[in-house]
Amino acid sequence: MVQEKNIIANTYWADNERFADSDTYDAIATFTKTGKFLENKDKYLGKEGDVDMCKAMDDLIKRGEERGEQRGEQRGEQRGEQRGENRMIKLIQCMVADGSSDLIPRIAEEADFCKKMYAKYGIV
């Protein structure tokens, strides 16, 4: 995905100017509300004091994708934990209703037994 966006950015800047003056860079950083973009300005400076916008935009896109991946992983972990808790609650409820509450301690101690109980009660 990043490579595809890099091609788009590089095509745009190749057709126009790859380097922008410092004021243009500052304006883009201000309008896009990317403070880190401003903080890293020296990283993109060219020989004549202009700014390599291709590299700057590539880094901005990459940083956004990394943040998105982190958020996605966190949400996935939260959903997984919630799903596991819901499955366990349902299993315990089924075992109690079935009169097998004396076996509940085994599901905490024996993973294979727990899997068998999930299967027995059709809990996926």
PDB file of N, CA and C in Angstrom:
ATOM      1  N   MET A   1       0.821  -1.189   0.000  1.00  0.00           N
ATOM      2  CA  MET A   1       0.000   0.000   0.000  1.00  0.00           C
ATOM      3  C   MET A   1       0.867   1.256   0.000  1.00  0.00           C
ATOM      4  N   VAL A   2       1.909   1.257   0.838  1.00  0.00           N
ATOM      5  CA  VAL A   2       2.795   2.418   0.886  1.00  0.00           C
ATOM      6  C   VAL A   2       3.460   2.622  -0.464  1.00  0.00           C
ATOM      7  N   GLN A   3       3.905   1.523  -1.075  1.00  0.00           N
ATOM      8  CA  GLN A   3       4.591   1.626  -2.354  1.00  0.00           C
ATOM      9  C   GLN A   3       3.665   2.252  -3.400  1.00  0.00           C
ATOM     10  N   GLU A   4       2.386   1.850  -3.404  1.00  0.00           N
ATOM     11  CA  GLU A   4       1.424   2.400  -4.340  1.00  0.00           C
ATOM     12  C   GLU A   4       1.271   3.904  -4.129  1.00  0.00           C
ATOM     13  N   LYS A   5       1.179   4.329  -2.877  1.00  0.00           N
ATOM     14  CA  LYS A   5       1.051   5.748  -2.573  1.00  0.00           C
ATOM     15  C   LYS A   5       2.325   6.499  -2.927  1.00  0.00           C
ATOM     16  N   ASN A   6       3.472   5.840  -2.741  1.00  0.00           N
ATOM     17  CA  ASN A   6       4.742   6.476  -3.106  1.00  0.00           C
ATOM     18  C   ASN A   6       4.794   6.751  -4.602  1.00  0.00           C
ATOM     19  N   ILE A   7       4.295   5.799  -5.390  1.00  0.00           N
ATOM     20  CA  ILE A   7       4.282   5.974  -6.838  1.00  0.00           C
ATOM     21  C   ILE A   7       3.423   7.166  -7.207  1.00  0.00           C
ATOM     22  N   ILE A   8       2.258   7.280  -6.571  1.00  0.00           N
ATOM     23  CA  ILE A   8       1.358   8.405  -6.846  1.00  0.00           C
ATOM     24  C   ILE A   8       2.034   9.722  -6.476  1.00  0.00           C
ATOM     25  N   ALA A   9       2.600   9.779  -5.274  1.00  0.00           N
ATOM     26  CA  ALA A   9       3.262  11.014  -4.831  1.00  0.00           C
ATOM     27  C   ALA A   9       4.436  11.351  -5.741  1.00  0.00           C
ATOM     28  N   ASN A  10       5.251  10.365  -6.062  1.00  0.00           N
ATOM     29  CA  ASN A  10       6.418  10.609  -6.911  1.00  0.00           C
ATOM     30  C   ASN A  10       6.010  11.026  -8.312  1.00  0.00           C
ATOM     31  N   THR A  11       4.911  10.473  -8.831  1.00  0.00           N
ATOM     32  CA  THR A  11       4.434  10.866 -10.154  1.00  0.00           C
ATOM     33  C   THR A  11       3.996  12.321 -10.130  1.00  0.00           C
ATOM     34  N   TYR A  12       3.262  12.702  -9.083  1.00  0.00           N
ATOM     35  CA  TYR A  12       2.825  14.090  -8.978  1.00  0.00           C
ATOM     36  C   TYR A  12       4.017  15.030  -8.922  1.00  0.00           C
ATOM     37  N   TRP A  13       4.950  14.720  -8.036  1.00  0.00           N
ATOM     38  CA  TRP A  13       6.079  15.627  -7.848  1.00  0.00           C
ATOM     39  C   TRP A  13       7.023  15.595  -9.039  1.00  0.00           C
ATOM     40  N   ALA A  14       7.097  14.479  -9.761  1.00  0.00           N
ATOM     41  CA  ALA A  14       7.955  14.420 -10.944  1.00  0.00           C
ATOM     42  C   ALA A  14       7.384  15.312 -12.033  1.00  0.00           C
ATOM     43  N   ASP A  15       6.044  15.329 -12.144  1.00  0.00           N
ATOM     44  CA  ASP A  15       5.409  16.168 -13.148  1.00  0.00           C
ATOM     45  C   ASP A  15       5.470  17.641 -12.759  1.00  0.00           C
ATOM     46  N   ASN A  16       5.579  17.916 -11.514  1.00  0.00           N
ATOM     47  CA  ASN A  16       5.649  19.288 -11.034  1.00  0.00           C
ATOM     48  C   ASN A  16       7.074  19.524 -10.527  1.00  0.00           C
ATOM     49  N   GLU A  17       7.214  19.851  -9.291  1.00  0.00           N
ATOM     50  CA  GLU A  17       8.544  20.019  -8.716  1.00  0.00           C
ATOM     51  C   GLU A  17       8.646  19.113  -7.509  1.00  0.00           C
ATOM     52  N   ARG A  18       9.723  18.350  -7.440  1.00  0.00           N
ATOM     53  CA  ARG A  18       9.915  17.441  -6.311  1.00  0.00           C
ATOM     54  C   ARG A  18      10.187  18.236  -5.038  1.00  0.00           C
ATOM     55  N   PHE A  19      10.875  19.341  -5.185  1.00  0.00           N
ATOM     56  CA  PHE A  19      11.246  20.150  -4.037  1.00  0.00           C
ATOM     57  C   PHE A  19      10.369  21.393  -3.969  1.00  0.00           C
ATOM     58  N   ALA A  20       9.977  21.741  -2.757  1.00  0.00           N
ATOM     59  CA  ALA A  20       9.187  22.943  -2.526  1.00  0.00           C
ATOM     60  C   ALA A  20       9.985  23.865  -1.616  1.00  0.00           C
ATOM     61  N   ASP A  21       9.644  25.137  -1.649  1.00  0.00           N
ATOM     62  CA  ASP A  21      10.349  26.036  -0.750  1.00  0.00           C
ATOM     63  C   ASP A  21       9.877  25.795   0.682  1.00  0.00           C
ATOM     64  N   SER A  22      10.625  26.307   1.601  1.00  0.00           N
ATOM     65  CA  SER A  22      10.386  26.077   3.021  1.00  0.00           C
ATOM     66  C   SER A  22       9.008  26.580   3.470  1.00  0.00           C
ATOM     67  N   ASP A  23       8.567  27.707   2.933  1.00  0.00           N
ATOM     68  CA  ASP A  23       7.260  28.265   3.304  1.00  0.00           C
ATOM     69  C   ASP A  23       6.113  27.354   2.858  1.00  0.00           C
ATOM     70  N   THR A  24       6.257  26.757   1.686  1.00  0.00           N
ATOM     71  CA  THR A  24       5.224  25.832   1.196  1.00  0.00           C
ATOM     72  C   THR A  24       5.131  24.625   2.118  1.00  0.00           C
ATOM     73  N   TYR A  25       6.285  24.114   2.510  1.00  0.00           N
ATOM     74  CA  TYR A  25       6.329  22.980   3.434  1.00  0.00           C
ATOM     75  C   TYR A  25       5.628  23.344   4.744  1.00  0.00           C
ATOM     76  N   ASP A  26       5.944  24.517   5.283  1.00  0.00           N
ATOM     77  CA  ASP A  26       5.328  24.969   6.531  1.00  0.00           C
ATOM     78  C   ASP A  26       3.811  25.087   6.389  1.00  0.00           C
ATOM     79  N   ALA A  27       3.366  25.594   5.241  1.00  0.00           N
ATOM     80  CA  ALA A  27       1.929  25.755   5.005  1.00  0.00           C
ATOM     81  C   ALA A  27       1.235  24.394   4.971  1.00  0.00           C
ATOM     82  N   ILE A  28       1.827  23.441   4.285  1.00  0.00           N
ATOM     83  CA  ILE A  28       1.241  22.099   4.212  1.00  0.00           C
ATOM     84  C   ILE A  28       1.163  21.491   5.615  1.00  0.00           C
ATOM     85  N   ALA A  29       2.226  21.619   6.379  1.00  0.00           N
ATOM     86  CA  ALA A  29       2.248  21.074   7.735  1.00  0.00           C
ATOM     87  C   ALA A  29       1.182  21.730   8.602  1.00  0.00           C
ATOM     88  N   THR A  30       0.985  23.016   8.442  1.00  0.00           N
ATOM     89  CA  THR A  30      -0.010  23.740   9.229  1.00  0.00           C
ATOM     90  C   THR A  30      -1.425  23.328   8.838  1.00  0.00           C
ATOM     91  N   PHE A  31      -1.712  23.296   7.542  1.00  0.00           N
ATOM     92  CA  PHE A  31      -3.059  22.957   7.077  1.00  0.00           C
ATOM     93  C   PHE A  31      -3.429  21.504   7.348  1.00  0.00           C
ATOM     94  N   THR A  32      -2.454  20.626   7.341  1.00  0.00           N
ATOM     95  CA  THR A  32      -2.748  19.212   7.598  1.00  0.00           C
ATOM     96  C   THR A  32      -2.648  18.880   9.082  1.00  0.00           C
ATOM     97  N   LYS A  33      -2.307  19.860   9.887  1.00  0.00           N
ATOM     98  CA  LYS A  33      -2.210  19.696  11.348  1.00  0.00           C
ATOM     99  C   LYS A  33      -1.283  18.538  11.726  1.00  0.00           C
ATOM    100  N   THR A  34      -0.131  18.524  11.099  1.00  0.00           N
ATOM    101  CA  THR A  34       0.850  17.468  11.362  1.00  0.00           C
ATOM    102  C   THR A  34       2.075  18.105  11.993  1.00  0.00           C
ATOM    103  N   GLY A  35       2.020  18.255  13.296  1.00  0.00           N
ATOM    104  CA  GLY A  35       3.109  18.877  14.038  1.00  0.00           C
ATOM    105  C   GLY A  35       4.426  18.150  13.853  1.00  0.00           C
ATOM    106  N   LYS A  36       4.384  16.820  13.820  1.00  0.00           N
ATOM    107  CA  LYS A  36       5.609  16.042  13.628  1.00  0.00           C
ATOM    108  C   LYS A  36       6.224  16.359  12.277  1.00  0.00           C
ATOM    109  N   PHE A  37       5.386  16.645  11.321  1.00  0.00           N
ATOM    110  CA  PHE A  37       5.841  17.018   9.986  1.00  0.00           C
ATOM    111  C   PHE A  37       6.729  18.253  10.077  1.00  0.00           C
ATOM    112  N   LEU A  38       6.292  19.235  10.872  1.00  0.00           N
ATOM    113  CA  LEU A  38       7.085  20.453  11.064  1.00  0.00           C
ATOM    114  C   LEU A  38       8.375  20.175  11.834  1.00  0.00           C
ATOM    115  N   GLU A  39       8.276  19.335  12.863  1.00  0.00           N
ATOM    116  CA  GLU A  39       9.446  19.034  13.691  1.00  0.00           C
ATOM    117  C   GLU A  39      10.560  18.367  12.897  1.00  0.00           C
ATOM    118  N   ASN A  40      10.200  17.617  11.862  1.00  0.00           N
ATOM    119  CA  ASN A  40      11.179  16.861  11.086  1.00  0.00           C
ATOM    120  C   ASN A  40      11.632  17.574   9.814  1.00  0.00           C
ATOM    121  N   LYS A  41      11.371  18.823   9.706  1.00  0.00           N
ATOM    122  CA  LYS A  41      11.653  19.576   8.490  1.00  0.00           C
ATOM    123  C   LYS A  41      13.118  19.449   8.052  1.00  0.00           C
ATOM    124  N   ASP A  42      14.044  19.519   8.984  1.00  0.00           N
ATOM    125  CA  ASP A  42      15.468  19.445   8.643  1.00  0.00           C
ATOM    126  C   ASP A  42      15.820  18.133   7.955  1.00  0.00           C
ATOM    127  N   LYS A  43      15.068  17.102   8.259  1.00  0.00           N
ATOM    128  CA  LYS A  43      15.306  15.776   7.672  1.00  0.00           C
ATOM    129  C   LYS A  43      15.102  15.789   6.153  1.00  0.00           C
ATOM    130  N   TYR A  44      14.291  16.726   5.658  1.00  0.00           N
ATOM    131  CA  TYR A  44      13.922  16.758   4.247  1.00  0.00           C
ATOM    132  C   TYR A  44      14.579  17.887   3.458  1.00  0.00           C
ATOM    133  N   LEU A  45      15.419  18.659   4.122  1.00  0.00           N
ATOM    134  CA  LEU A  45      16.033  19.800   3.437  1.00  0.00           C
ATOM    135  C   LEU A  45      17.007  19.354   2.359  1.00  0.00           C
ATOM    136  N   GLY A  46      16.921  20.029   1.211  1.00  0.00           N
ATOM    137  CA  GLY A  46      17.828  19.765   0.102  1.00  0.00           C
ATOM    138  C   GLY A  46      19.035  20.688   0.166  1.00  0.00           C
ATOM    139  N   LYS A  47      19.848  20.631  -0.859  1.00  0.00           N
ATOM    140  CA  LYS A  47      21.092  21.405  -0.914  1.00  0.00           C
ATOM    141  C   LYS A  47      20.853  22.912  -0.926  1.00  0.00           C
ATOM    142  N   GLU A  48      19.762  23.322  -1.540  1.00  0.00           N
ATOM    143  CA  GLU A  48      19.508  24.759  -1.683  1.00  0.00           C
ATOM    144  C   GLU A  48      18.515  25.288  -0.649  1.00  0.00           C
ATOM    145  N   GLY A  49      18.293  24.526   0.420  1.00  0.00           N
ATOM    146  CA  GLY A  49      17.361  24.955   1.457  1.00  0.00           C
ATOM    147  C   GLY A  49      15.911  24.662   1.141  1.00  0.00           C
ATOM    148  N   ASP A  50      15.680  23.997  -0.001  1.00  0.00           N
ATOM    149  CA  ASP A  50      14.319  23.613  -0.335  1.00  0.00           C
ATOM    150  C   ASP A  50      14.010  22.269   0.318  1.00  0.00           C
ATOM    151  N   VAL A  51      12.779  21.839   0.229  1.00  0.00           N
ATOM    152  CA  VAL A  51      12.339  20.655   0.959  1.00  0.00           C
ATOM    153  C   VAL A  51      11.925  19.548  -0.015  1.00  0.00           C
ATOM    154  N   ASP A  52      12.431  18.329   0.217  1.00  0.00           N
ATOM    155  CA  ASP A  52      12.073  17.160  -0.607  1.00  0.00           C
ATOM    156  C   ASP A  52      10.680  16.696  -0.198  1.00  0.00           C
ATOM    157  N   MET A  53       9.671  17.134  -0.939  1.00  0.00           N
ATOM    158  CA  MET A  53       8.291  16.848  -0.587  1.00  0.00           C
ATOM    159  C   MET A  53       7.934  15.377  -0.788  1.00  0.00           C
ATOM    160  N   CYS A  54       8.581  14.700  -1.734  1.00  0.00           N
ATOM    161  CA  CYS A  54       8.297  13.271  -1.932  1.00  0.00           C
ATOM    162  C   CYS A  54       8.649  12.489  -0.677  1.00  0.00           C
ATOM    163  N   LYS A  55       9.824  12.717  -0.162  1.00  0.00           N
ATOM    164  CA  LYS A  55      10.268  12.014   1.042  1.00  0.00           C
ATOM    165  C   LYS A  55       9.386  12.408   2.233  1.00  0.00           C
ATOM    166  N   ALA A  56       9.065  13.670   2.347  1.00  0.00           N
ATOM    167  CA  ALA A  56       8.232  14.132   3.451  1.00  0.00           C
ATOM    168  C   ALA A  56       6.848  13.496   3.399  1.00  0.00           C
ATOM    169  N   MET A  57       6.236  13.461   2.223  1.00  0.00           N
ATOM    170  CA  MET A  57       4.904  12.875   2.084  1.00  0.00           C
ATOM    171  C   MET A  57       4.946  11.365   2.295  1.00  0.00           C
ATOM    172  N   ASP A  58       5.982  10.708   1.777  1.00  0.00           N
ATOM    173  CA  ASP A  58       6.125   9.265   1.995  1.00  0.00           C
ATOM    174  C   ASP A  58       6.185   8.951   3.490  1.00  0.00           C
ATOM    175  N   ASP A  59       6.971   9.718   4.232  1.00  0.00           N
ATOM    176  CA  ASP A  59       7.090   9.503   5.673  1.00  0.00           C
ATOM    177  C   ASP A  59       5.777   9.785   6.391  1.00  0.00           C
ATOM    178  N   LEU A  60       5.065  10.815   5.949  1.00  0.00           N
ATOM    179  CA  LEU A  60       3.770  11.155   6.541  1.00  0.00           C
ATOM    180  C   LEU A  60       2.776  10.020   6.323  1.00  0.00           C
ATOM    181  N   ILE A  61       2.734   9.483   5.125  1.00  0.00           N
ATOM    182  CA  ILE A  61       1.835   8.370   4.817  1.00  0.00           C
ATOM    183  C   ILE A  61       2.216   7.147   5.642  1.00  0.00           C
ATOM    184  N   LYS A  62       3.507   6.843   5.696  1.00  0.00           N
ATOM    185  CA  LYS A  62       3.978   5.683   6.447  1.00  0.00           C
ATOM    186  C   LYS A  62       3.605   5.806   7.921  1.00  0.00           C
ATOM    187  N   ARG A  63       3.791   6.989   8.496  1.00  0.00           N
ATOM    188  CA  ARG A  63       3.466   7.215   9.902  1.00  0.00           C
ATOM    189  C   ARG A  63       1.965   7.015  10.146  1.00  0.00           C
ATOM    190  N   GLY A  64       1.145   7.477   9.218  1.00  0.00           N
ATOM    191  CA  GLY A  64      -0.299   7.302   9.342  1.00  0.00           C
ATOM    192  C   GLY A  64      -0.705   5.839   9.274  1.00  0.00           C
ATOM    193  N   GLU A  65      -0.068   5.117   8.371  1.00  0.00           N
ATOM    194  CA  GLU A  65      -0.369   3.683   8.256  1.00  0.00           C
ATOM    195  C   GLU A  65       0.051   2.931   9.514  1.00  0.00           C
ATOM    196  N   GLU A  66       1.190   3.279  10.073  1.00  0.00           N
ATOM    197  CA  GLU A  66       1.655   2.625  11.305  1.00  0.00           C
ATOM    198  C   GLU A  66       0.685   2.879  12.451  1.00  0.00           C
ATOM    199  N   ARG A  67       0.197   4.116  12.557  1.00  0.00           N
ATOM    200  CA  ARG A  67      -0.783   4.431  13.609  1.00  0.00           C
ATOM    201  C   ARG A  67      -2.066   3.638  13.391  1.00  0.00           C
ATOM    202  N   GLY A  68      -2.479   3.528  12.139  1.00  0.00           N
ATOM    203  CA  GLY A  68      -3.678   2.763  11.829  1.00  0.00           C
ATOM    204  C   GLY A  68      -3.523   1.288  12.179  1.00  0.00           C
ATOM    205  N   GLU A  69      -2.348   0.734  11.885  1.00  0.00           N
ATOM    206  CA  GLU A  69      -2.094  -0.664  12.225  1.00  0.00           C
ATOM    207  C   GLU A  69      -2.129  -0.869  13.743  1.00  0.00           C
ATOM    208  N   GLN A  70      -1.530   0.045  14.483  1.00  0.00           N
ATOM    209  CA  GLN A  70      -1.537  -0.069  15.949  1.00  0.00           C
ATOM    210  C   GLN A  70      -2.961  -0.035  16.488  1.00  0.00           C
ATOM    211  N   ARG A  71      -3.753   0.897  15.980  1.00  0.00           N
ATOM    212  CA  ARG A  71      -5.148   0.994  16.432  1.00  0.00           C
ATOM    213  C   ARG A  71      -5.909  -0.280  16.093  1.00  0.00           C
ATOM    214  N   GLY A  72      -5.684  -0.814  14.892  1.00  0.00           N
ATOM    215  CA  GLY A  72      -6.351  -2.039  14.484  1.00  0.00           C
ATOM    216  C   GLY A  72      -5.971  -3.218  15.359  1.00  0.00           C
ATOM    217  N   GLU A  73      -4.690  -3.309  15.689  1.00  0.00           N
ATOM    218  CA  GLU A  73      -4.240  -4.394  16.562  1.00  0.00           C
ATOM    219  C   GLU A  73      -4.866  -4.275  17.947  1.00  0.00           C
ATOM    220  N   GLN A  74      -4.916  -3.074  18.480  1.00  0.00           N
ATOM    221  CA  GLN A  74      -5.526  -2.871  19.798  1.00  0.00           C
ATOM    222  C   GLN A  74      -6.997  -3.254  19.786  1.00  0.00           C
ATOM    223  N   ARG A  75      -7.713  -2.827  18.758  1.00  0.00           N
ATOM    224  CA  ARG A  75      -9.137  -3.167  18.660  1.00  0.00           C
ATOM    225  C   ARG A  75      -9.323  -4.673  18.527  1.00  0.00           C
ATOM    226  N   GLY A  76      -8.475  -5.304  17.725  1.00  0.00           N
ATOM    227  CA  GLY A  76      -8.561  -6.754  17.549  1.00  0.00           C
ATOM    228  C   GLY A  76      -8.316  -7.501  18.848  1.00  0.00           C
ATOM    229  N   GLU A  77      -7.332  -7.050  19.599  1.00  0.00           N
ATOM    230  CA  GLU A  77      -7.055  -7.688  20.891  1.00  0.00           C
ATOM    231  C   GLU A  77      -8.232  -7.515  21.847  1.00  0.00           C
ATOM    232  N   GLN A  78      -8.795  -6.324  21.878  1.00  0.00           N
ATOM    233  CA  GLN A  78      -9.942  -6.076  22.760  1.00  0.00           C
ATOM    234  C   GLN A  78     -11.128  -6.951  22.375  1.00  0.00           C
ATOM    235  N   ARG A  79     -11.384  -7.052  21.080  1.00  0.00           N
ATOM    236  CA  ARG A  79     -12.501  -7.882  20.617  1.00  0.00           C
ATOM    237  C   ARG A  79     -12.256  -9.352  20.935  1.00  0.00           C
ATOM    238  N   GLY A  80     -11.012  -9.791  20.755  1.00  0.00           N
ATOM    239  CA  GLY A  80     -10.670 -11.179  21.058  1.00  0.00           C
ATOM    240  C   GLY A  80     -10.853 -11.501  22.527  1.00  0.00           C
ATOM    241  N   GLU A  81     -10.408 -10.597  23.379  1.00  0.00           N
ATOM    242  CA  GLU A  81     -10.583 -10.799  24.823  1.00  0.00           C
ATOM    243  C   GLU A  81     -12.063 -10.858  25.182  1.00  0.00           C
ATOM    244  N   GLN A  82     -12.834  -9.961  24.624  1.00  0.00           N
ATOM    245  CA  GLN A  82     -14.276  -9.920  24.910  1.00  0.00           C
ATOM    246  C   GLN A  82     -14.946 -11.197  24.423  1.00  0.00           C
ATOM    247  N   ARG A  83     -14.561 -11.645  23.242  1.00  0.00           N
ATOM    248  CA  ARG A  83     -15.141 -12.876  22.691  1.00  0.00           C
ATOM    249  C   ARG A  83     -14.804 -14.072  23.582  1.00  0.00           C
ATOM    250  N   GLY A  84     -13.556 -14.150  24.030  1.00  0.00           N
ATOM    251  CA  GLY A  84     -13.153 -15.245  24.912  1.00  0.00           C
ATOM    252  C   GLY A  84     -13.915 -15.236  26.231  1.00  0.00           C
ATOM    253  N   GLU A  85     -14.086 -14.046  26.789  1.00  0.00           N
ATOM    254  CA  GLU A  85     -14.840 -13.941  28.034  1.00  0.00           C
ATOM    255  C   GLU A  85     -16.294 -14.360  27.829  1.00  0.00           C
ATOM    256  N   ASN A  86     -16.886 -13.923  26.727  1.00  0.00           N
ATOM    257  CA  ASN A  86     -18.280 -14.283  26.442  1.00  0.00           C
ATOM    258  C   ASN A  86     -18.442 -15.789  26.252  1.00  0.00           C
ATOM    259  N   ARG A  87     -17.489 -16.413  25.581  1.00  0.00           N
ATOM    260  CA  ARG A  87     -17.536 -17.862  25.388  1.00  0.00           C
ATOM    261  C   ARG A  87     -17.457 -18.584  26.736  1.00  0.00           C
ATOM    262  N   MET A  88     -16.561 -18.124  27.597  1.00  0.00           N
ATOM    263  CA  MET A  88     -16.391 -18.771  28.895  1.00  0.00           C
ATOM    264  C   MET A  88     -17.654 -18.614  29.744  1.00  0.00           C
ATOM    265  N   ILE A  89     -18.243 -17.430  29.732  1.00  0.00           N
ATOM    266  CA  ILE A  89     -19.488 -17.196  30.484  1.00  0.00           C
ATOM    267  C   ILE A  89     -20.581 -18.133  29.981  1.00  0.00           C
ATOM    268  N   LYS A  90     -20.700 -18.238  28.658  1.00  0.00           N
ATOM    269  CA  LYS A  90     -21.725 -19.111  28.084  1.00  0.00           C
ATOM    270  C   LYS A  90     -21.470 -20.568  28.470  1.00  0.00           C
ATOM    271  N   LEU A  91     -20.210 -20.991  28.443  1.00  0.00           N
ATOM    272  CA  LEU A  91     -19.871 -22.364  28.821  1.00  0.00           C
ATOM    273  C   LEU A  91     -20.250 -22.640  30.265  1.00  0.00           C
ATOM    274  N   ILE A  92     -19.908 -21.736  31.154  1.00  0.00           N
ATOM    275  CA  ILE A  92     -20.234 -21.912  32.571  1.00  0.00           C
ATOM    276  C   ILE A  92     -21.746 -21.965  32.769  1.00  0.00           C
ATOM    277  N   GLN A  93     -22.472 -21.092  32.071  1.00  0.00           N
ATOM    278  CA  GLN A  93     -23.933 -21.095  32.174  1.00  0.00           C
ATOM    279  C   GLN A  93     -24.511 -22.436  31.701  1.00  0.00           C
ATOM    280  N   CYS A  94     -23.974 -22.949  30.610  1.00  0.00           N
ATOM    281  CA  CYS A  94     -24.453 -24.244  30.086  1.00  0.00           C
ATOM    282  C   CYS A  94     -24.154 -25.371  31.068  1.00  0.00           C
ATOM    283  N   MET A  95     -22.962 -25.346  31.647  1.00  0.00           N
ATOM    284  CA  MET A  95     -22.576 -26.405  32.586  1.00  0.00           C
ATOM    285  C   MET A  95     -23.438 -26.360  33.847  1.00  0.00           C
ATOM    286  N   VAL A  96     -23.728 -25.167  34.327  1.00  0.00           N
ATOM    287  CA  VAL A  96     -24.579 -25.022  35.515  1.00  0.00           C
ATOM    288  C   VAL A  96     -25.981 -25.522  35.197  1.00  0.00           C
ATOM    289  N   ALA A  97     -26.511 -25.107  34.035  1.00  0.00           N
ATOM    290  CA  ALA A  97     -27.864 -25.518  33.642  1.00  0.00           C
ATOM    291  C   ALA A  97     -27.960 -27.029  33.442  1.00  0.00           C
ATOM    292  N   ASP A  98     -26.850 -27.630  33.046  1.00  0.00           N
ATOM    293  CA  ASP A  98     -26.802 -29.074  32.768  1.00  0.00           C
ATOM    294  C   ASP A  98     -26.497 -29.895  34.023  1.00  0.00           C
ATOM    295  N   GLY A  99     -26.252 -29.203  35.128  1.00  0.00           N
ATOM    296  CA  GLY A  99     -25.928 -29.895  36.369  1.00  0.00           C
ATOM    297  C   GLY A  99     -24.482 -30.358  36.447  1.00  0.00           C
ATOM    298  N   SER A 100     -23.627 -29.747  35.648  1.00  0.00           N
ATOM    299  CA  SER A 100     -22.209 -30.136  35.626  1.00  0.00           C
ATOM    300  C   SER A 100     -21.312 -29.081  36.277  1.00  0.00           C
ATOM    301  N   SER A 101     -21.868 -28.307  37.188  1.00  0.00           N
ATOM    302  CA  SER A 101     -21.082 -27.225  37.792  1.00  0.00           C
ATOM    303  C   SER A 101     -19.870 -27.743  38.568  1.00  0.00           C
ATOM    304  N   ASP A 102     -19.919 -29.014  38.993  1.00  0.00           N
ATOM    305  CA  ASP A 102     -18.773 -29.578  39.705  1.00  0.00           C
ATOM    306  C   ASP A 102     -17.545 -29.731  38.793  1.00  0.00           C
ATOM    307  N   LEU A 103     -17.769 -29.681  37.477  1.00  0.00           N
ATOM    308  CA  LEU A 103     -16.664 -29.819  36.513  1.00  0.00           C
ATOM    309  C   LEU A 103     -16.048 -28.469  36.120  1.00  0.00           C
ATOM    310  N   ILE A 104     -16.649 -27.386  36.556  1.00  0.00           N
ATOM    311  CA  ILE A 104     -16.168 -26.051  36.176  1.00  0.00           C
ATOM    312  C   ILE A 104     -14.693 -25.834  36.529  1.00  0.00           C
ATOM    313  N   PRO A 105     -14.205 -26.256  37.692  1.00  0.00           N
ATOM    314  CA  PRO A 105     -12.776 -26.050  37.969  1.00  0.00           C
ATOM    315  C   PRO A 105     -11.853 -26.708  36.927  1.00  0.00           C
ATOM    316  N   ARG A 106     -12.303 -27.814  36.332  1.00  0.00           N
ATOM    317  CA  ARG A 106     -11.470 -28.493  35.333  1.00  0.00           C
ATOM    318  C   ARG A 106     -11.263 -27.653  34.080  1.00  0.00           C
ATOM    319  N   ILE A 107     -12.258 -26.832  33.715  1.00  0.00           N
ATOM    320  CA  ILE A 107     -12.098 -26.040  32.485  1.00  0.00           C
ATOM    321  C   ILE A 107     -11.006 -24.985  32.648  1.00  0.00           C
ATOM    322  N   ALA A 108     -10.739 -24.591  33.894  1.00  0.00           N
ATOM    323  CA  ALA A 108      -9.669 -23.626  34.160  1.00  0.00           C
ATOM    324  C   ALA A 108      -8.301 -24.296  34.213  1.00  0.00           C
ATOM    325  N   GLU A 109      -8.288 -25.592  34.473  1.00  0.00           N
ATOM    326  CA  GLU A 109      -7.028 -26.313  34.675  1.00  0.00           C
ATOM    327  C   GLU A 109      -6.596 -27.133  33.471  1.00  0.00           C
ATOM    328  N   GLU A 110      -7.559 -27.575  32.661  1.00  0.00           N
ATOM    329  CA  GLU A 110      -7.262 -28.482  31.560  1.00  0.00           C
ATOM    330  C   GLU A 110      -7.789 -27.923  30.243  1.00  0.00           C
ATOM    331  N   ALA A 111      -6.898 -27.449  29.416  1.00  0.00           N
ATOM    332  CA  ALA A 111      -7.286 -26.833  28.143  1.00  0.00           C
ATOM    333  C   ALA A 111      -8.042 -27.821  27.246  1.00  0.00           C
ATOM    334  N   ASP A 112      -7.582 -29.060  27.191  1.00  0.00           N
ATOM    335  CA  ASP A 112      -8.261 -30.056  26.356  1.00  0.00           C
ATOM    336  C   ASP A 112      -9.688 -30.303  26.831  1.00  0.00           C
ATOM    337  N   PHE A 113      -9.866 -30.390  28.138  1.00  0.00           N
ATOM    338  CA  PHE A 113     -11.205 -30.593  28.701  1.00  0.00           C
ATOM    339  C   PHE A 113     -12.102 -29.401  28.362  1.00  0.00           C
ATOM    340  N   CYS A 114     -11.536 -28.212  28.457  1.00  0.00           N
ATOM    341  CA  CYS A 114     -12.289 -26.996  28.137  1.00  0.00           C
ATOM    342  C   CYS A 114     -12.752 -27.042  26.673  1.00  0.00           C
ATOM    343  N   LYS A 115     -11.864 -27.440  25.774  1.00  0.00           N
ATOM    344  CA  LYS A 115     -12.225 -27.549  24.356  1.00  0.00           C
ATOM    345  C   LYS A 115     -13.340 -28.573  24.146  1.00  0.00           C
ATOM    346  N   LYS A 116     -13.259 -29.690  24.866  1.00  0.00           N
ATOM    347  CA  LYS A 116     -14.300 -30.719  24.760  1.00  0.00           C
ATOM    348  C   LYS A 116     -15.645 -30.172  25.226  1.00  0.00           C
ATOM    349  N   MET A 117     -15.626 -29.369  26.268  1.00  0.00           N
ATOM    350  CA  MET A 117     -16.872 -28.802  26.782  1.00  0.00           C
ATOM    351  C   MET A 117     -17.447 -27.781  25.801  1.00  0.00           C
ATOM    352  N   TYR A 118     -16.574 -26.969  25.196  1.00  0.00           N
ATOM    353  CA  TYR A 118     -17.059 -26.042  24.167  1.00  0.00           C
ATOM    354  C   TYR A 118     -17.756 -26.826  23.056  1.00  0.00           C
ATOM    355  N   ALA A 119     -17.119 -27.892  22.602  1.00  0.00           N
ATOM    356  CA  ALA A 119     -17.692 -28.724  21.543  1.00  0.00           C
ATOM    357  C   ALA A 119     -18.998 -29.361  21.988  1.00  0.00           C
ATOM    358  N   LYS A 120     -19.033 -29.887  23.192  1.00  0.00           N
ATOM    359  CA  LYS A 120     -20.230 -30.562  23.720  1.00  0.00           C
ATOM    360  C   LYS A 120     -21.443 -29.646  23.693  1.00  0.00           C
ATOM    361  N   TYR A 121     -21.219 -28.368  24.075  1.00  0.00           N
ATOM    362  CA  TYR A 121     -22.328 -27.420  24.152  1.00  0.00           C
ATOM    363  C   TYR A 121     -22.475 -26.582  22.877  1.00  0.00           C
ATOM    364  N   GLY A 122     -21.681 -26.870  21.871  1.00  0.00           N
ATOM    365  CA  GLY A 122     -21.791 -26.170  20.584  1.00  0.00           C
ATOM    366  C   GLY A 122     -21.404 -24.705  20.645  1.00  0.00           C
ATOM    367  N   ILE A 123     -20.431 -24.392  21.480  1.00  0.00           N
ATOM    368  CA  ILE A 123     -20.002 -22.999  21.630  1.00  0.00           C
ATOM    369  C   ILE A 123     -18.774 -22.786  20.743  1.00  0.00           C
ATOM    370  N   VAL A 124     -18.927 -21.876  19.788  1.00  0.00           N
ATOM    371  CA  VAL A 124     -17.824 -21.604  18.852  1.00  0.00           C
ATOM    372  C   VAL A 124     -17.166 -20.288  19.123  1.00  0.00           C
TER     373      VAL A 124
END
